[in-house]
Protein backbone atom coordinates (compact mmCIF):
# COMPACT_ATOMS: atom_id res chain seq x y z
CA MET A 1 44.04 43.36 124.21
CA THR A 2 43.69 46.04 121.18
CA HIS A 3 45.57 45.05 118.43
CA VAL A 4 48.72 47.20 117.93
CA PRO A 5 49.03 46.94 113.62
CA ARG A 6 52.27 46.27 112.11
CA LEU A 7 53.58 49.09 109.45
CA PRO A 8 55.23 48.62 106.33
CA LEU A 9 59.06 49.46 106.13
CA LEU A 10 57.84 52.32 103.54
CA ALA A 11 55.44 54.15 106.09
CA GLY A 12 57.27 53.10 109.43
CA LEU A 13 60.56 54.21 108.73
CA PRO A 14 59.75 57.59 107.78
CA LEU A 15 57.69 57.96 111.19
CA ALA A 16 61.14 57.00 113.15
CA VAL A 17 63.21 59.80 111.15
CA GLY A 18 59.97 61.99 112.07
CA ALA A 19 60.42 61.33 115.57
CA GLY A 20 64.28 61.62 115.56
CA LEU A 21 63.83 65.08 114.60
CA ALA A 22 62.71 65.77 118.27
CA ILE A 23 65.63 64.74 120.01
CA PRO A 24 67.85 67.55 118.81
CA VAL A 25 65.20 70.34 119.96
CA GLN A 26 65.00 68.56 123.00
CA GLY A 27 68.50 68.47 123.73
CA ARG A 28 68.87 72.14 122.48
CA ILE A 29 65.95 72.79 125.11
CA ASN A 30 67.58 70.75 128.05
CA GLY A 31 70.71 71.91 127.45
CA ALA A 32 69.60 75.73 127.54
CA LEU A 33 67.89 75.13 130.80
CA GLY A 34 70.62 73.27 132.61
CA ALA A 35 72.64 76.27 132.01
CA ARG A 36 69.93 78.67 132.71
CA LEU A 37 69.41 76.85 136.35
CA ASN A 38 73.01 75.82 136.42
CA ASP A 39 71.79 72.44 137.43
CA GLY A 40 71.74 69.43 134.86
CA ILE A 41 69.16 67.27 137.56
CA ALA A 42 66.95 70.02 137.80
CA ALA A 43 66.88 70.52 133.94
CA ALA A 44 66.10 66.69 133.67
CA VAL A 45 63.25 66.77 136.33
CA VAL A 46 61.37 69.73 134.85
CA SER A 47 61.59 67.78 131.22
CA PHE A 48 60.14 64.51 132.86
CA SER A 49 57.65 66.16 134.65
CA THR A 50 56.33 68.38 131.79
CA GLY A 51 56.16 65.16 129.60
CA LEU A 52 54.43 63.18 132.71
CA VAL A 53 52.00 66.35 133.16
CA LEU A 54 51.00 65.92 129.26
CA MET A 55 51.04 62.14 128.88
CA VAL A 56 48.55 62.22 131.98
CA LEU A 57 46.06 64.82 130.23
CA ILE A 58 45.97 62.55 126.87
CA SER A 59 45.68 59.03 128.69
CA LEU A 60 42.57 61.16 130.57
CA SER A 61 40.95 62.46 127.25
CA LEU A 62 41.62 60.01 124.71
CA PRO A 63 39.60 57.07 124.72
CA ALA A 64 42.11 54.70 123.63
CA GLY A 65 44.22 56.42 126.64
CA ARG A 66 41.64 55.48 129.00
CA ALA A 67 41.53 52.09 128.15
CA GLY A 68 45.47 52.00 127.89
CA LEU A 69 45.24 53.10 131.58
CA ALA A 70 42.99 50.59 132.79
CA ARG A 71 45.12 47.82 131.52
CA ILE A 72 48.35 48.61 132.88
CA VAL A 73 48.13 47.51 136.54
CA PRO A 74 46.40 43.93 135.30
CA ALA A 75 49.55 43.40 133.01
CA VAL A 76 52.20 44.22 135.73
CA ARG A 77 49.88 41.79 138.45
CA SER A 78 49.46 38.86 135.58
CA ARG A 79 53.50 38.90 134.76
CA ALA A 80 52.19 39.62 130.90
CA PHE A 81 55.64 41.12 130.53
CA PRO A 82 58.79 41.23 132.69
CA ARG A 83 57.77 43.58 135.79
CA VAL A 84 61.53 45.50 135.26
CA TYR A 85 59.95 46.73 131.87
CA VAL A 86 58.02 49.46 133.94
CA MET A 87 61.23 50.85 134.85
CA ALA A 88 62.40 51.47 131.05
CA GLY A 89 61.52 55.17 131.96
CA GLY A 90 64.81 54.95 134.20
CA ILE A 91 66.85 54.79 131.04
CA GLY A 92 65.09 57.91 129.49
CA ALA A 93 65.90 59.84 132.93
CA LEU A 94 69.49 58.55 132.25
CA PHE A 95 69.56 59.76 128.89
CA VAL A 96 67.83 63.19 129.81
CA PHE A 97 70.52 63.75 132.45
CA ALA A 98 73.41 62.91 130.40
CA GLN A 99 72.00 65.11 127.85
CA SER A 100 71.57 67.89 130.26
CA PHE A 101 74.82 67.29 132.30
CA THR A 102 77.45 66.33 129.72
CA VAL A 103 76.54 68.18 126.39
CA GLY A 104 78.24 71.45 128.18
CA LEU A 105 81.59 69.58 128.99
CA LEU A 106 81.73 67.17 125.65
CA GLY A 107 79.74 69.55 123.11
CA VAL A 108 77.13 68.27 121.05
CA ALA A 109 79.53 66.25 118.36
CA LEU A 110 81.11 64.27 121.25
CA PHE A 111 77.61 63.66 122.50
CA THR A 112 75.89 62.47 119.34
CA VAL A 113 78.65 60.20 118.46
CA ALA A 114 79.08 58.31 121.54
CA THR A 115 75.14 57.92 122.09
CA VAL A 116 74.99 56.80 118.34
CA THR A 117 77.83 54.33 118.94
CA GLY A 118 76.09 52.96 121.97
CA GLN A 119 72.27 52.76 120.40
CA THR A 120 73.80 51.51 117.07
CA VAL A 121 75.90 48.53 118.61
CA SER A 122 72.75 47.64 121.28
CA GLY A 123 70.48 47.65 118.84
CA LEU A 124 72.02 44.55 117.12
CA LEU A 125 72.28 42.78 120.18
CA VAL A 126 68.92 43.61 121.26
CA ASP A 127 67.30 42.61 117.89
CA ARG A 128 69.60 39.07 117.97
CA LEU A 129 68.33 38.63 121.87
CA GLY A 130 65.15 38.75 120.38
CA ILE A 131 63.88 41.36 123.15
CA GLY A 132 61.58 43.19 121.49
CA PRO A 133 57.92 42.85 120.05
CA ALA A 134 59.27 41.77 116.76
CA GLY A 135 60.90 38.97 117.94
CA ARG A 136 64.43 37.85 117.17
CA LYS A 137 66.36 39.28 114.02
CA SER A 138 69.75 38.09 112.49
CA VAL A 139 72.91 39.91 112.50
CA THR A 140 73.84 39.86 108.82
CA GLY A 141 76.48 41.17 107.26
CA ILE A 142 74.65 44.00 105.76
CA ARG A 143 73.19 44.90 108.70
CA VAL A 144 76.60 45.10 110.45
CA ILE A 145 78.29 47.18 107.39
CA GLY A 146 75.17 49.21 108.02
CA CYS A 147 75.66 50.11 111.57
CA VAL A 148 79.31 50.34 110.73
CA LEU A 149 78.53 53.05 108.28
CA THR A 150 75.86 54.72 110.19
CA ILE A 151 78.81 55.35 113.02
CA GLY A 152 81.01 56.74 110.52
CA ALA A 153 78.53 58.89 109.05
CA VAL A 154 77.32 60.40 112.01
CA ALA A 155 81.10 61.04 113.16
CA TRP A 156 81.73 62.84 109.84
CA ALA A 157 78.80 64.99 109.85
CA VAL A 158 79.72 66.20 113.50
CA SER A 159 83.34 66.53 112.58
CA PRO A 160 83.52 70.15 112.39
CA ARG A 161 82.53 70.59 115.71
CA PHE A 162 85.37 68.70 117.37
CA ALA A 163 87.39 71.84 116.85
CA GLY A 164 85.80 73.26 119.74
CA THR A 165 86.15 70.27 121.87
CA GLY A 166 89.01 70.10 124.35
CA ALA A 167 90.49 73.61 123.38
CA SER A 168 91.93 74.10 127.24
CA ALA A 169 93.27 70.50 126.97
CA ALA A 170 97.08 70.77 128.63
CA PRO A 171 99.68 69.67 125.84
CA ASP A 172 99.69 65.86 127.46
CA GLY A 173 96.14 65.75 127.20
CA SER A 174 95.83 65.84 131.20
CA GLY A 175 93.73 69.60 131.18
CA PRO A 176 90.14 70.29 131.96
CA GLY A 177 89.43 69.98 128.03
CA GLY A 178 91.68 67.19 127.29
CA PRO A 179 91.23 63.49 126.25
CA ALA A 180 92.06 62.19 129.97
CA ALA A 181 89.39 64.20 131.29
CA LEU A 182 86.52 63.22 128.66
CA ILE A 183 86.91 59.58 129.25
CA LEU A 184 84.61 59.66 132.55
CA PRO A 185 82.06 62.17 130.71
CA LEU A 186 81.83 60.03 127.65
CA LEU A 187 81.17 56.89 129.27
CA LEU A 188 77.95 58.24 130.14
CA PRO A 189 75.90 58.88 126.88
CA VAL A 190 77.55 55.51 125.64
CA LEU A 191 76.07 53.87 128.28
CA ALA A 192 72.64 55.99 127.87
CA GLY A 193 73.05 55.54 124.24
CA PHE A 194 73.54 51.78 125.04
CA LEU A 195 70.63 51.29 126.92
CA MET A 196 68.33 53.12 124.91
CA SER A 197 67.84 50.74 122.26
CA PHE A 198 66.50 48.20 125.37
CA GLN A 199 64.34 50.99 126.51
CA GLN A 200 62.63 50.85 122.99
CA ALA A 201 62.23 46.83 123.44
CA MET A 202 60.80 47.06 126.64
CA ASN A 203 58.12 50.08 125.44
CA GLY A 204 57.20 48.04 122.14
CA THR A 205 56.68 44.81 124.41
CA ALA A 206 54.46 46.70 126.95
CA THR A 207 53.02 48.52 123.83
CA VAL A 208 51.56 45.60 122.25
CA THR A 209 50.06 44.39 125.86
CA TYR A 210 48.68 47.87 126.76
CA GLY A 211 47.08 48.11 123.32
CA THR A 212 48.56 51.76 122.88
CA PRO A 213 51.98 53.66 123.04
CA ILE A 214 49.96 56.18 125.50
CA ALA A 215 50.05 54.21 128.25
CA ALA A 216 53.43 52.91 127.48
CA THR A 217 55.01 56.48 127.68
CA LEU A 218 52.96 57.36 130.46
CA VAL A 219 54.42 54.36 132.69
CA ASN A 220 58.07 55.51 131.60
CA PHE A 221 57.27 59.22 132.62
CA VAL A 222 55.98 57.76 136.05
CA ALA A 223 59.20 55.60 136.34
CA GLY A 224 61.60 58.46 134.92
CA SER A 225 59.92 61.20 137.02
CA VAL A 226 60.28 58.84 140.21
CA VAL A 227 63.93 58.55 139.62
CA LEU A 228 64.77 62.09 138.99
CA TRP A 229 62.96 63.63 141.61
CA ILE A 230 64.86 61.32 144.05
CA ALA A 231 68.09 62.14 142.39
CA TRP A 232 67.28 65.86 142.65
CA ALA A 233 65.87 65.42 146.58
CA LEU A 234 69.59 63.94 147.53
CA LYS A 235 71.38 66.67 145.31
CA LEU A 236 69.15 69.30 147.29
CA ALA A 237 70.20 67.77 150.41
CA TRP A 238 73.95 67.69 149.40
CA LEU A 239 74.68 70.82 147.26
CA GLY A 240 71.61 72.94 147.91
CA ALA A 241 69.25 74.15 144.68
CA GLY A 242 70.41 75.89 141.64
CA ASN A 243 68.89 79.02 139.98
CA PRO A 244 64.94 79.58 140.24
CA LEU A 245 62.84 78.26 137.02
CA PRO A 246 63.01 81.16 134.02
CA ALA A 247 59.87 82.16 133.34
CA ASP A 248 60.37 81.81 129.37
CA TRP A 249 57.80 78.99 128.20
CA TRP A 250 60.18 77.39 125.76
CA TYR A 251 61.60 76.30 128.09
CA TYR A 252 59.16 73.83 129.21
CA LEU A 253 59.04 71.96 125.56
CA GLY A 254 61.85 69.13 126.55
CA GLY A 255 59.17 67.18 128.06
CA PRO A 256 56.14 67.15 125.19
CA MET A 257 59.47 66.27 122.46
CA GLY A 258 60.17 63.30 124.67
CA CYS A 259 56.71 62.23 124.79
CA VAL A 260 57.15 62.16 120.80
CA PHE A 261 60.00 60.28 120.34
CA ILE A 262 58.98 58.04 123.21
CA ALA A 263 55.50 57.30 121.78
CA LEU A 264 56.82 56.70 117.95
CA GLY A 265 59.85 54.40 119.42
CA ALA A 266 57.45 52.15 121.07
CA LEU A 267 55.04 51.90 118.19
CA LEU A 268 57.69 51.45 115.50
CA VAL A 269 59.97 48.42 116.98
CA ARG A 270 56.56 46.30 116.75
CA SER A 271 56.97 46.73 113.10
CA LEU A 272 60.71 47.82 112.04
CA GLY A 273 62.48 45.79 115.15
CA VAL A 274 64.79 47.86 117.54
CA LEU A 275 67.72 48.32 115.26
CA VAL A 276 66.14 49.65 112.11
CA THR A 277 63.98 51.98 114.23
CA GLY A 278 67.38 53.51 116.33
CA LEU A 279 68.98 53.89 112.84
CA GLY A 280 65.96 55.95 111.65
CA MET A 281 65.54 58.03 114.73
CA ILE A 282 69.23 58.60 114.45
CA ALA A 283 69.02 59.90 110.79
CA GLY A 284 66.34 62.22 111.97
CA GLN A 285 68.29 63.43 114.91
CA LEU A 286 71.04 64.36 112.15
CA LEU A 287 68.35 65.91 109.84
CA GLY A 288 67.10 67.89 112.66
CA SER A 289 70.53 69.25 114.23
CA LEU A 290 70.95 70.21 110.60
CA GLY A 291 67.71 72.38 110.26
CA LEU A 292 68.22 73.79 113.77
CA ASP A 293 71.99 74.91 112.65
CA LEU A 294 70.78 76.60 109.96
CA LEU A 295 67.54 78.26 110.80
CA LEU A 296 68.14 78.63 114.59
CA PRO A 297 71.96 78.27 114.88
CA ALA A 298 73.20 78.38 118.64
CA PRO A 299 76.73 79.78 119.61
CA GLY A 300 79.47 78.11 117.78
CA SER A 301 77.14 76.09 115.40
CA ILE A 302 78.79 74.98 112.48
CA VAL A 303 77.37 74.16 109.07
CA ALA A 304 80.03 72.77 106.99
CA PRO A 305 80.04 70.45 103.62
CA ALA A 306 81.15 67.30 105.97
CA THR A 307 77.80 68.18 108.05
CA VAL A 308 75.51 68.11 105.06
CA LEU A 309 77.47 65.25 103.37
CA GLY A 310 77.89 63.10 106.66
CA THR A 311 73.87 63.59 107.16
CA LEU A 312 73.38 62.10 103.51
CA LEU A 313 75.45 59.34 104.11
CA THR A 314 73.81 58.39 107.06
CA LEU A 315 70.65 58.26 105.27
CA ALA A 316 72.28 56.01 102.87
CA ALA A 317 73.70 53.81 105.83
CA ILE A 318 70.06 53.30 107.03
CA ILE A 319 68.66 52.31 103.34
CA LEU A 320 71.22 49.58 103.21
CA ALA A 321 70.54 48.30 106.39
CA THR A 322 67.08 47.66 105.71
CA LEU A 323 67.85 46.35 102.26
CA PRO A 324 66.68 42.62 101.96
CA TRP A 325 69.44 40.25 101.71
CA PRO A 326 69.34 36.46 100.40
CA ARG A 327 68.55 34.25 103.06
CA GLY A 328 71.75 32.81 104.74
CA ALA A 329 74.15 35.73 103.00
CA PHE A 330 76.68 36.98 105.45
CA ARG A 331 74.73 35.50 108.39
CA ARG A 332 76.78 35.22 111.64
């Protein structure tokens, strides 16, 4: 087994932030593709399938990829980790589907807060249970404060976009855009965000076993693609196909963006733990969204002082959550 190195915090956290930068780019692409196809499942299928093709090429081209590829089947057969871990890609499929299907209903703001809330809460839980390769990490008061502050900061950063949410609601909140209509669509990104920490823990454990995040990322895309192709086939039989695939090349970059943050996440959880890796990626997500809104604004994009200040507060909250704390202080 090839040794997967542990990275120091000062090196790992910036990489986590960098991985998070790919998430809003992927979201913008997948959301646009879903609208173009009029089919959120088809957009998720395209995203995962292009990512799978890329990971197959990388696995066959690089020596580390070929070595990791050779370890996959023996590791699963020998139960080097629970076999359910090979289905971690199904969580990624759920996230991409939620991204493609609910962003148009909820707006970017509500979607972001919902996924961040789920991911932050589960990051604490997964670290406490010791599911990931970094082992068990105590739930200290400073980590809880950092998580709560992160959720609040993200809500503040995206608050300028809330004005467009629920514009079509009836006075009693029961209209097509009202709070009552948003409850069920909100549950999907909350669940997807909650499960993302488990996905990162599973991928991190698999990475240690395979000796490379390339193999863990490949297995993710295989599992996610299978789940999504089955879902799309059922949708095709029931409702029929959506619009034809577009010719514009940039619609097919969502999968490669997914390769970036899945692979880096699988590598970093061994060093940083699931919570800090997730918080770093959340910071990158906000920075990436801010950059997109400034450089390539989409219709309805808003860059207000709250957007910038909330993003900076998120970075401060993540630094707070990673600070060393006296042993036993605020421990639960």
